Amino acid sequence: MKFCSSCGNPVSQKIPEDDNRERHVCDHCGMIHYQNPKVIAGVLPVYGDQILLCKRSIEPRHGFWTLPAGFLENGESSLEGALRECEEEANAMVINPQLYALFDIPQINQVYVFYRAHLEEPVFGPSSESSEVALFDEADIPWANLAFPVVELALDYFLQDRITGEFAVKHDEIKRPWKSRRVIS
């Protein structure tokens, strides 16, 4: 950041009074510009024993598979954002959404919130953000072509929980370098 979004004058990095870390501070009007993590909200949609995934047609990770998820918009709850992203990316409507996982990724300043939900009918399709949308059995999940480590971790947790039928809310932190838990053959 070089200029104040409030008055347009230059900013500098300094520790404001009564703070403990450097911030961008306007040298003219004194506005402190806080930069906070981005929240990504998504859905882990299930139909029977299958999981719905989207093949990205946008960057980052164009051509890789992911769960429908995206940045939360101002004025919406995490659930509203997750449902909106599922509709935008997969043209899918889900029912019975349940908070499922919270993943912190501090090195890229992101927090992911996933809801587990069901497709009432197998109705879905590609969109401007997804070139393909498909249901996958566990054995057919394209592990080597998943877009993000957070998707792999969410799927791992879900598949483990599905065995017991116990879906407690998960919390984890993804650290770099990411070491996959999967053996890809």
Foldseek 3Di string as FASTA:
>chain_A
DAADPVPGAGWDWDADPPGDGTFTAHPPPGDTDDDAFWEKAAEFEDEDQWTKWFQFCDDDLHRFIFGQMGTDDPPDDSVVRHQVSCCQAWVAGWPDWDWFEWEAEPVRRYIYTYTYTYGPDPDTAGHPTGPGMDIDHPVRPPVVRHRDPVRQVSVVLVVVCVVVVDRDHYYYYAYPPGDHPDDDD
